[in-house]
Protein backbone atom coordinates (compact mmCIF):
# COMPACT_ATOMS: atom_id res chain seq x y z
CA UNK A 1 55.69 -8.49 22.00
CA UNK A 2 55.04 -11.81 19.47
CA UNK A 3 53.61 -14.45 21.80
CA UNK A 4 53.02 -18.17 20.40
CA UNK A 5 50.33 -19.69 22.30
CA UNK A 6 50.79 -23.73 21.86
CA UNK A 7 47.57 -24.98 22.84
CA UNK A 8 44.34 -27.27 22.02
CA UNK A 9 41.87 -24.60 20.33
CA UNK A 10 38.60 -24.31 19.87
CA UNK A 11 36.97 -26.00 18.18
CA UNK A 12 39.00 -28.38 18.93
CA UNK A 13 37.29 -30.81 21.41
CA UNK A 14 40.31 -31.77 23.40
CA UNK A 15 41.34 -30.95 27.28
CA UNK A 16 41.80 -27.23 27.98
CA UNK A 17 40.87 -25.99 24.90
CA UNK A 18 38.18 -23.60 26.63
CA UNK A 19 41.00 -22.41 28.98
CA UNK A 20 43.59 -21.84 26.08
CA UNK A 21 40.51 -19.88 24.40
CA UNK A 22 40.37 -17.40 27.47
CA UNK A 23 44.16 -16.96 27.83
CA UNK A 24 43.88 -16.05 23.76
CA UNK A 25 40.92 -13.93 24.19
CA UNK A 26 42.74 -11.49 27.04
CA UNK A 27 46.00 -11.78 24.71
CA UNK A 28 44.62 -11.01 21.65
CA UNK A 29 42.76 -7.72 23.38
CA UNK A 30 46.19 -6.16 24.66
CA UNK A 31 47.55 -3.63 21.80
CA UNK A 32 51.38 -4.38 23.29
CA UNK A 33 51.20 -8.38 22.11
CA UNK A 34 51.20 -10.30 18.38
CA UNK A 35 49.17 -13.25 18.90
CA UNK A 36 49.74 -16.55 17.00
CA UNK A 37 47.84 -19.64 18.06
CA UNK A 38 49.85 -22.75 17.67
CA UNK A 39 46.93 -25.61 17.56
CA UNK A 40 46.08 -28.84 17.09
CA UNK A 41 44.77 -29.99 14.03
CA UNK A 42 40.90 -30.68 13.97
CA UNK A 43 39.47 -34.21 13.63
CA UNK A 44 36.49 -35.87 14.22
CA UNK A 45 35.79 -36.40 18.18
CA UNK A 46 33.59 -39.38 19.03
CA UNK A 47 33.57 -38.34 22.57
CA UNK A 48 32.23 -34.94 22.21
CA UNK A 49 28.57 -35.40 21.72
CA UNK A 50 25.33 -33.34 21.89
CA UNK A 51 22.32 -33.98 24.01
CA UNK A 52 21.32 -36.66 21.58
CA UNK A 53 24.64 -38.49 21.92
CA UNK A 54 25.52 -37.78 18.21
CA UNK A 55 29.05 -36.46 17.87
CA UNK A 56 29.92 -33.04 16.98
CA UNK A 57 30.88 -32.60 13.10
CA UNK A 58 33.81 -30.08 14.38
CA UNK A 59 35.77 -30.80 11.41
CA UNK A 60 33.27 -28.45 9.12
CA UNK A 61 33.38 -25.58 11.83
CA UNK A 62 35.32 -22.48 11.12
CA UNK A 63 37.87 -21.00 13.19
CA UNK A 64 37.03 -18.63 15.42
CA UNK A 65 37.15 -15.17 14.14
CA UNK A 66 39.63 -12.62 15.13
CA UNK A 67 42.49 -15.11 16.30
CA UNK A 68 45.85 -15.79 14.00
CA UNK A 69 45.64 -19.96 14.38
CA UNK A 70 48.42 -21.89 12.69
CA UNK A 71 47.07 -25.88 13.30
CA UNK A 72 50.56 -27.59 13.11
CA UNK A 73 50.53 -30.24 15.28
CA UNK A 74 48.56 -33.58 15.28
CA UNK A 75 47.32 -35.23 18.90
CA UNK A 76 49.12 -38.47 19.23
CA UNK A 77 52.03 -38.05 16.47
CA UNK A 78 55.35 -38.48 16.96
CA UNK A 79 56.23 -35.63 14.55
CA UNK A 80 54.58 -32.85 17.25
CA UNK A 81 57.71 -31.54 18.47
CA UNK A 82 59.44 -31.14 14.74
CA UNK A 83 56.28 -29.78 13.07
CA UNK A 84 56.17 -27.15 16.29
CA UNK A 85 59.69 -26.27 16.26
CA UNK A 86 59.59 -25.45 12.18
CA UNK A 87 56.56 -23.24 12.74
CA UNK A 88 58.39 -21.71 16.04
CA UNK A 89 61.51 -20.74 13.96
CA UNK A 90 59.67 -19.24 10.55
CA UNK A 91 57.58 -16.98 13.25
CA UNK A 92 60.65 -16.02 15.59
CA UNK A 93 58.65 -14.92 18.76
CA UNK A 94 59.54 -13.52 21.61
CA UNK A 95 57.91 -15.66 24.13
CA UNK A 96 56.55 -19.31 23.30
CA UNK A 97 53.73 -20.34 26.00
CA UNK A 98 52.72 -23.91 26.31
CA UNK A 99 49.21 -24.62 27.98
CA UNK A 100 49.69 -28.31 29.15
CA UNK A 101 48.44 -30.98 31.13
CA UNK A 102 50.79 -34.59 30.78
CA UNK A 103 48.02 -36.12 28.08
CA UNK A 104 47.98 -32.90 25.72
CA UNK A 105 49.94 -34.38 23.02
CA UNK A 106 48.85 -37.97 23.22
CA UNK A 107 47.17 -40.70 25.82
CA UNK A 108 48.82 -43.21 27.84
CA UNK A 109 47.98 -45.42 25.17
CA UNK A 110 50.58 -43.92 23.24
CA UNK A 111 53.42 -42.84 25.55
CA UNK A 112 56.24 -42.64 23.13
CA UNK A 113 54.11 -39.79 21.19
CA UNK A 114 53.06 -38.20 24.73
CA UNK A 115 56.94 -38.03 25.39
CA UNK A 116 57.84 -36.47 22.29
CA UNK A 117 54.99 -33.60 22.65
CA UNK A 118 56.20 -33.02 26.23
CA UNK A 119 59.70 -32.68 25.04
CA UNK A 120 58.90 -29.74 22.67
CA UNK A 121 59.23 -27.03 25.16
CA UNK A 122 62.87 -28.11 26.04
CA UNK A 123 63.52 -28.37 22.53
CA UNK A 124 62.24 -24.82 21.86
CA UNK A 125 64.16 -23.32 24.52
CA UNK A 126 67.20 -24.93 23.05
CA UNK A 127 66.44 -23.76 20.20
CA UNK A 128 66.77 -20.29 21.61
CA UNK A 129 63.29 -19.00 22.48
CA UNK A 130 61.80 -18.18 25.87
CA UNK A 131 59.71 -20.74 26.99
CA UNK A 132 56.97 -20.76 29.47
CA UNK A 133 54.36 -23.49 30.41
CA UNK A 134 51.69 -23.38 32.34
CA UNK A 135 51.31 -26.87 34.07
CA UNK A 136 47.67 -27.90 35.15
CA UNK A 137 48.71 -30.89 37.08
CA UNK A 138 51.55 -32.86 38.09
CA UNK A 139 51.66 -36.80 38.63
CA UNK A 140 52.61 -36.90 41.76
CA UNK A 141 49.80 -36.25 43.08
CA UNK A 142 47.75 -38.18 40.68
CA UNK A 143 45.63 -40.96 41.78
CA UNK A 144 46.54 -43.72 39.05
CA UNK A 145 43.68 -46.31 40.35
CA UNK A 146 41.00 -43.93 39.94
CA UNK A 147 42.30 -42.42 36.89
CA UNK A 148 42.50 -46.15 35.11
CA UNK A 149 45.97 -46.16 34.50
CA UNK A 150 47.68 -49.52 33.94
CA UNK A 151 51.48 -50.39 34.54
CA UNK A 152 51.41 -47.59 37.18
CA UNK A 153 55.19 -47.97 38.29
CA UNK A 154 56.26 -47.91 34.40
CA UNK A 155 53.77 -44.96 34.09
CA UNK A 156 55.63 -42.81 37.13
CA UNK A 157 58.95 -43.35 35.75
CA UNK A 158 58.02 -42.49 32.64
CA UNK A 159 56.11 -39.54 34.22
CA UNK A 160 58.99 -38.28 36.38
CA UNK A 161 61.32 -38.22 32.74
CA UNK A 162 58.51 -36.39 31.23
CA UNK A 163 58.28 -33.54 34.49
CA UNK A 164 62.05 -32.91 34.23
CA UNK A 165 61.99 -32.80 30.28
CA UNK A 166 59.01 -29.85 31.19
CA UNK A 167 61.33 -28.33 33.73
CA UNK A 168 63.92 -27.49 31.08
CA UNK A 169 61.68 -24.85 30.32
CA UNK A 170 62.74 -21.23 31.02
CA UNK A 171 59.87 -21.10 33.50
CA UNK A 172 57.11 -23.22 34.75
CA UNK A 173 53.84 -21.97 36.61
CA UNK A 174 51.83 -24.10 38.47
CA UNK A 175 48.00 -23.45 39.95
CA UNK A 176 48.37 -25.11 43.46
CA UNK A 177 50.73 -24.11 46.19
CA UNK A 178 51.36 -27.75 46.57
CA UNK A 179 52.26 -28.53 43.28
CA UNK A 180 54.76 -25.95 43.65
CA UNK A 181 56.33 -27.28 47.11
CA UNK A 182 56.46 -30.75 45.29
CA UNK A 183 58.70 -29.34 42.17
CA UNK A 184 60.64 -27.47 44.37
CA UNK A 185 61.44 -30.33 46.70
CA UNK A 186 61.46 -33.35 44.73
CA UNK A 187 62.69 -31.82 41.62
CA UNK A 188 64.86 -28.94 43.16
CA UNK A 189 63.22 -26.85 40.50
CA UNK A 190 64.19 -23.18 40.68
CA UNK A 191 62.31 -21.85 37.81
CA UNK A 192 58.86 -22.63 39.16
CA UNK A 193 55.98 -19.90 39.75
CA UNK A 194 52.74 -19.86 41.39
CA UNK A 195 49.62 -18.58 39.34
CA UNK A 196 46.29 -18.80 39.46
CA UNK A 197 43.73 -20.59 37.20
CA UNK A 198 41.33 -17.50 37.00
CA UNK A 199 37.73 -17.00 36.08
CA UNK A 200 36.80 -16.40 32.39
CA UNK A 201 34.17 -13.33 32.32
CA UNK A 202 35.60 -9.96 31.83
CA UNK A 203 33.36 -8.16 34.25
CA UNK A 204 31.45 -10.69 36.47
CA UNK A 205 27.89 -10.45 36.97
CA UNK A 206 26.71 -10.45 40.23
CA UNK A 207 24.87 -13.82 41.40
CA UNK A 208 21.11 -13.16 40.19
CA UNK A 209 18.95 -15.09 42.79
CA UNK A 210 15.59 -14.76 40.76
CA UNK A 211 17.18 -17.26 38.07
CA UNK A 212 17.55 -19.95 40.83
CA UNK A 213 15.09 -22.01 42.46
CA UNK A 214 11.88 -20.85 40.34
CA UNK A 215 10.73 -23.89 39.93
CA UNK A 216 13.81 -25.79 39.99
CA UNK A 217 16.14 -25.92 42.19
CA UNK A 218 18.85 -27.28 39.91
CA UNK A 219 22.08 -29.25 40.47
CA UNK A 220 24.80 -28.78 37.82
CA UNK A 221 27.57 -31.12 37.38
CA UNK A 222 29.55 -30.54 34.19
CA UNK A 223 33.27 -31.99 33.27
CA UNK A 224 34.92 -34.23 30.92
CA UNK A 225 33.24 -37.67 31.94
CA UNK A 226 34.34 -40.80 32.38
CA UNK A 227 37.59 -41.45 33.92
CA UNK A 228 37.96 -40.02 37.48
CA UNK A 229 35.28 -37.29 36.58
CA UNK A 230 32.36 -40.18 37.22
CA UNK A 231 28.69 -39.96 37.70
CA UNK A 232 27.36 -43.02 39.66
CA UNK A 233 27.85 -41.57 43.13
CA UNK A 234 25.89 -38.87 41.87
CA UNK A 235 23.01 -40.77 40.44
CA UNK A 236 22.60 -42.71 43.51
CA UNK A 237 22.43 -39.39 45.74
CA UNK A 238 19.95 -37.35 43.93
CA UNK A 239 17.00 -39.59 44.70
CA UNK A 240 17.80 -39.15 48.29
CA UNK A 241 18.01 -35.19 47.60
CA UNK A 242 14.56 -35.39 45.75
CA UNK A 243 13.12 -37.18 49.00
CA UNK A 244 14.04 -33.83 50.92
CA UNK A 245 13.78 -31.73 48.02
CA UNK A 246 10.81 -32.38 45.28
CA UNK A 247 11.73 -29.45 43.40
CA UNK A 248 15.35 -30.62 42.52
CA UNK A 249 16.80 -31.07 39.32
CA UNK A 250 19.92 -32.55 37.90
CA UNK A 251 21.54 -31.12 35.05
CA UNK A 252 24.35 -33.24 33.60
CA UNK A 253 26.69 -31.27 30.71
CA UNK A 254 29.73 -31.95 28.90
CA UNK A 255 31.60 -34.18 26.84
CA UNK A 256 32.99 -37.22 27.39
CA UNK A 257 36.86 -38.09 28.24
CA UNK A 258 38.44 -38.70 24.75
CA UNK A 259 39.50 -42.02 26.13
CA UNK A 260 35.64 -43.18 27.16
CA UNK A 261 33.28 -42.64 24.19
CA UNK A 262 29.94 -43.28 25.06
CA UNK A 263 30.37 -43.00 28.72
CA UNK A 264 27.61 -40.12 29.91
CA UNK A 265 25.26 -42.13 27.56
CA UNK A 266 25.58 -45.10 29.31
CA UNK A 267 24.84 -43.54 32.70
CA UNK A 268 21.73 -41.80 31.17
CA UNK A 269 20.46 -45.08 29.79
CA UNK A 270 21.01 -46.70 33.01
CA UNK A 271 18.51 -44.25 34.85
CA UNK A 272 14.71 -45.23 35.71
CA UNK A 273 12.23 -43.01 33.57
CA UNK A 274 10.51 -39.99 35.52
CA UNK A 275 13.52 -38.55 37.24
CA UNK A 276 13.81 -34.99 36.85
CA UNK A 277 17.89 -35.45 35.04
CA UNK A 278 18.71 -33.73 31.96
CA UNK A 279 21.67 -34.77 30.03
CA UNK A 280 22.96 -31.68 27.71
CA UNK A 281 26.32 -33.26 26.41
CA UNK A 282 28.57 -31.15 25.21
CA UNK A 283 27.33 -27.39 25.89
CA UNK A 284 28.73 -24.70 23.19
CA UNK A 285 30.44 -21.68 24.86
CA UNK A 286 27.55 -19.06 24.76
CA UNK A 287 25.16 -21.26 26.52
CA UNK A 288 27.72 -21.44 29.59
CA UNK A 289 26.67 -18.21 31.38
CA UNK A 290 22.75 -19.04 31.54
CA UNK A 291 23.99 -22.60 32.47
CA UNK A 292 25.55 -21.89 35.50
CA UNK A 293 23.51 -18.21 36.36
CA UNK A 294 20.26 -20.48 36.74
CA UNK A 295 21.98 -23.19 39.05
CA UNK A 296 21.61 -23.25 42.72
CA UNK A 297 25.00 -25.77 43.03
CA UNK A 298 27.55 -26.90 41.26
CA UNK A 299 28.72 -30.76 42.12
CA UNK A 300 31.80 -32.03 41.23
CA UNK A 301 31.46 -35.59 41.84
CA UNK A 302 34.95 -36.68 41.27
CA UNK A 303 36.67 -40.18 42.56
CA UNK A 304 40.47 -38.27 42.54
CA UNK A 305 41.71 -34.99 41.09
CA UNK A 306 44.26 -34.13 38.67
CA UNK A 307 44.49 -30.23 39.38
CA UNK A 308 42.56 -26.92 40.39
CA UNK A 309 38.98 -27.76 39.07
CA UNK A 310 37.68 -25.46 36.12
CA UNK A 311 34.14 -26.02 37.05
CA UNK A 312 34.91 -24.64 40.51
CA UNK A 313 36.18 -21.37 38.97
CA UNK A 314 33.24 -21.57 36.84
CA UNK A 315 31.02 -21.31 40.03
CA UNK A 316 33.14 -18.86 41.50
CA UNK A 317 32.68 -16.50 38.35
CA UNK A 318 28.67 -16.82 38.60
CA UNK A 319 28.39 -16.86 42.23
CA UNK A 320 27.30 -20.86 42.92
CA UNK A 321 28.12 -22.81 45.50
CA UNK A 322 29.98 -26.07 45.40
CA UNK A 323 29.84 -29.42 46.86
CA UNK A 324 32.69 -31.69 46.08
CA UNK A 325 34.56 -34.54 46.82
CA UNK A 326 37.16 -34.16 49.69
CA UNK A 327 40.16 -34.68 47.85
CA UNK A 328 43.58 -33.08 48.80
CA UNK A 329 43.65 -30.91 45.36
CA UNK A 330 40.40 -29.20 46.06
CA UNK A 331 41.04 -28.67 49.72
CA UNK A 332 44.45 -26.94 48.34
CA UNK A 333 42.25 -25.08 45.80
CA UNK A 334 39.94 -24.11 48.51
CA UNK A 335 42.34 -22.99 50.85
CA UNK A 336 44.34 -20.82 48.41
CA UNK A 337 41.66 -19.01 46.56
CA UNK A 338 39.02 -18.73 49.62
CA UNK A 339 36.19 -20.41 47.84
CA UNK A 340 32.89 -21.55 49.65
CA UNK A 341 32.80 -25.49 49.34
CA UNK A 342 30.92 -28.26 51.06
CA UNK A 343 32.81 -31.38 51.19
CA UNK A 344 31.91 -34.82 51.02
CA UNK A 345 33.44 -38.36 51.60
CA UNK A 346 34.35 -39.72 47.95
CA UNK A 347 32.15 -42.56 47.06
CA UNK A 348 29.84 -41.91 49.49
CA UNK A 349 26.41 -41.03 47.99
CA UNK A 350 24.78 -40.48 51.45
CA UNK A 351 27.21 -37.81 52.60
CA UNK A 352 26.99 -36.20 49.08
CA UNK A 353 23.21 -36.21 49.37
CA UNK A 354 23.20 -34.86 52.81
CA UNK A 355 25.57 -31.88 51.43
CA UNK A 356 23.22 -30.82 48.54
CA UNK A 357 20.24 -31.01 50.75
CA UNK A 358 21.92 -28.59 53.37
CA UNK A 359 22.42 -26.03 50.73
CA UNK A 360 19.12 -26.59 49.15
CA UNK A 361 17.03 -26.46 52.26
CA UNK A 362 18.99 -22.77 53.59
CA UNK A 363 18.50 -20.06 51.10
CA UNK A 364 20.21 -18.13 53.95
CA UNK A 365 23.38 -20.66 53.42
CA UNK A 366 23.00 -20.60 49.87
CA UNK A 367 23.25 -16.96 49.49
CA UNK A 368 26.21 -16.61 51.80
CA UNK A 369 27.99 -19.48 50.02
CA UNK A 370 27.45 -17.71 46.38
CA UNK A 371 28.35 -14.59 47.20
CA UNK A 372 31.62 -15.64 49.21
CA UNK A 373 32.34 -17.64 45.68
CA UNK A 374 31.74 -14.34 43.83
CA UNK A 375 34.25 -12.27 45.68
CA UNK A 376 36.70 -14.98 45.23
CA UNK A 377 35.86 -15.01 41.25
CA UNK A 378 36.49 -11.17 41.42
CA UNK A 379 39.84 -11.68 43.01
CA UNK A 380 41.31 -14.12 40.06
CA UNK A 381 39.61 -12.65 36.82
CA UNK A 382 41.28 -13.75 33.90
CA UNK A 383 42.32 -10.45 32.59
CA UNK A 384 44.23 -10.12 35.68
CA UNK A 385 45.71 -13.59 35.63
CA UNK A 386 46.94 -12.95 32.22
CA UNK A 387 48.60 -9.35 32.81
CA UNK A 388 50.55 -10.86 35.39
CA UNK A 389 51.69 -13.24 32.92
CA UNK A 390 52.79 -10.62 30.18
CA UNK A 391 54.62 -8.54 32.94
CA UNK A 392 56.57 -11.61 33.85
CA UNK A 393 57.46 -12.22 30.08
CA UNK A 394 58.47 -8.38 29.77
CA UNK A 395 60.79 -8.52 32.52
CA UNK A 396 62.25 -11.59 31.54
CA UNK A 397 62.75 -10.22 28.03
CA UNK A 398 64.18 -7.21 29.64
CA UNK A 399 66.46 -9.29 31.64
CA UNK A 400 67.75 -11.01 28.33
CA UNK A 401 68.42 -7.57 26.81
CA UNK A 402 70.41 -6.14 29.62
CA UNK A 403 72.28 -9.43 29.93
CA UNK A 404 73.19 -9.47 26.14
CA UNK A 405 74.28 -5.57 26.25
CA UNK A 406 76.65 -6.81 29.29
CA UNK A 407 74.56 -4.53 31.69
CA UNK A 408 73.46 -7.19 34.44
CA UNK A 409 74.82 -5.36 37.13
CA UNK A 410 72.69 -2.53 36.64
CA UNK A 411 69.81 -5.01 37.04
CA UNK A 412 66.96 -3.21 39.03
CA UNK A 413 67.13 -4.66 42.60
CA UNK A 414 63.31 -5.74 42.65
CA UNK A 415 63.57 -7.43 39.46
CA UNK A 416 66.99 -9.63 41.04
CA UNK A 417 64.79 -10.01 43.82
CA UNK A 418 62.28 -11.66 42.10
CA UNK A 419 64.80 -13.71 40.12
CA UNK A 420 66.25 -15.31 43.62
CA UNK A 421 62.96 -16.21 44.75
CA UNK A 422 61.57 -13.61 47.03
CA UNK A 423 57.69 -13.84 47.19
CA UNK A 424 54.84 -11.63 47.59
CA UNK A 425 51.10 -12.00 47.75
CA UNK A 426 49.12 -13.33 44.72
CA UNK A 427 47.99 -10.33 42.65
CA UNK A 428 44.20 -11.46 42.83
CA UNK A 429 41.91 -8.29 43.39
CA UNK A 430 40.37 -6.32 40.54
CA UNK A 431 43.11 -3.47 41.15
CA UNK A 432 45.95 -5.99 42.16
CA UNK A 433 48.36 -4.39 39.48
CA UNK A 434 48.15 -1.27 41.24
CA UNK A 435 48.28 -2.91 44.89
CA UNK A 436 50.97 -5.55 44.84
CA UNK A 437 54.17 -5.26 46.40
CA UNK A 438 57.18 -7.29 46.22
CA UNK A 439 57.70 -8.72 49.81
CA UNK A 440 61.14 -9.82 51.17
CA UNK A 441 59.57 -10.61 54.48
CA UNK A 442 58.16 -14.38 56.00
CA UNK A 443 54.59 -13.05 55.27
CA UNK A 444 52.26 -15.53 54.82
CA UNK A 445 48.88 -16.39 52.90
CA UNK A 446 46.69 -19.72 54.46
CA UNK A 447 49.65 -20.56 56.56
CA UNK A 448 52.45 -20.65 53.40
CA UNK A 449 55.22 -18.56 53.80
CA UNK A 450 55.43 -16.01 50.71
CA UNK A 451 59.18 -16.21 50.58
CA UNK A 452 58.97 -19.66 49.70
CA UNK A 453 56.26 -19.11 46.48
CA UNK A 454 57.32 -17.26 43.06
CA UNK A 455 54.28 -15.87 42.27
CA UNK A 456 53.60 -14.35 38.86
CA UNK A 457 51.64 -11.20 40.51
CA UNK A 458 54.89 -9.91 42.22
CA UNK A 459 56.15 -7.55 40.08
CA UNK A 460 55.20 -3.58 40.48
CA UNK A 461 53.64 -2.39 37.56
CA UNK A 462 56.39 0.57 37.36
CA UNK A 463 58.81 -2.28 36.85
CA UNK A 464 57.69 -2.70 33.19
CA UNK A 465 60.09 -3.50 30.15
CA UNK A 466 59.13 -0.43 28.59
CA UNK A 467 60.83 1.81 31.21
CA UNK A 468 64.27 0.20 30.14
């Protein structure tokens, strides 16, 4: 199966490049798949800086070994859909898989370029290629005031048109059940599936508590900082934590958001001297495991949320307790994926400090939360997530072949049931592909009727396209 993955891709510093890397890693390791990554052109990224605040020299970095990467589109360019379509026509893939947020192709300051990029999946389908989108957020659940968006009413009209354009793809997967419900109800979308974000390690290692609390109890905050992902509340809360936990240490890692150059550096410069706070800047991928494994807590101090949290899933991967703002998207994420999280009132430094202290002062509670998150991480490893996508793609390819041959009436019953929206539990355990069964009953998960959810893990492994 030939797959083109359209995404930002390392060494690019733009949103979702790390997520695309892990998808590509799993696809590349699958002998059934021939992968080409259609990535963004590299440029200088003033927002991605090292621990000294110096911009990373990404343009001169080589492509990651082992991947076939074609950099055929440019961030902020109106020509993106044309260039993508020309490349796709030349490659003739079986599947074109887009990994997107609404700002994947341009910032709100360039709305026409953003809309042009978001129209590419519809144009890809119109050109005759099966097109799938993994959509990491939807605009209906974005707090525009917290995100700093101006002209909100006009932006929502444009976002509505963009969403309808994205739904012209053959299929769209979202990562939160509330997003799935919104697209099904507001847009009457019948091609929306529910997937999971996934954790990135091939075989996650259990939490090693000998690396934590000796001598420092580390609080890790990592992200792309400056819009709704802000550090002010955490900076205000940390001195309160030190009063109760003197050996606490705060690690702030990650680049600035591409629209907020210099943000974390300004926060660093505003802190009084002597506080045990380290600002790491952009952290290379090879340093991520030790960063998480040596942390006692992952803090997610956001003012709003735009989807499932990557740092929260990495915390599960390494078995780290989570403290995050009490936001609807995060509540839904925790309920959908059974994470161990303590919530604080958004904007309240006192409440944030109390939640951090509650974990740091109780080794038993910290261990309990860590183990629960590790188990949650095992149930959503990226290998299983990608395997579910591949099975979905093979099923759709098989159905198209049958339809072309006039054999629609011979479509297996379990395939037809999936196509008409019957549900199943999410395939999320280590051997989920051996245990999942297609369900036509009203069984529930966290109170959501399974029959309302089209899930990627619902195809029985024996229903493989190679059989047909």
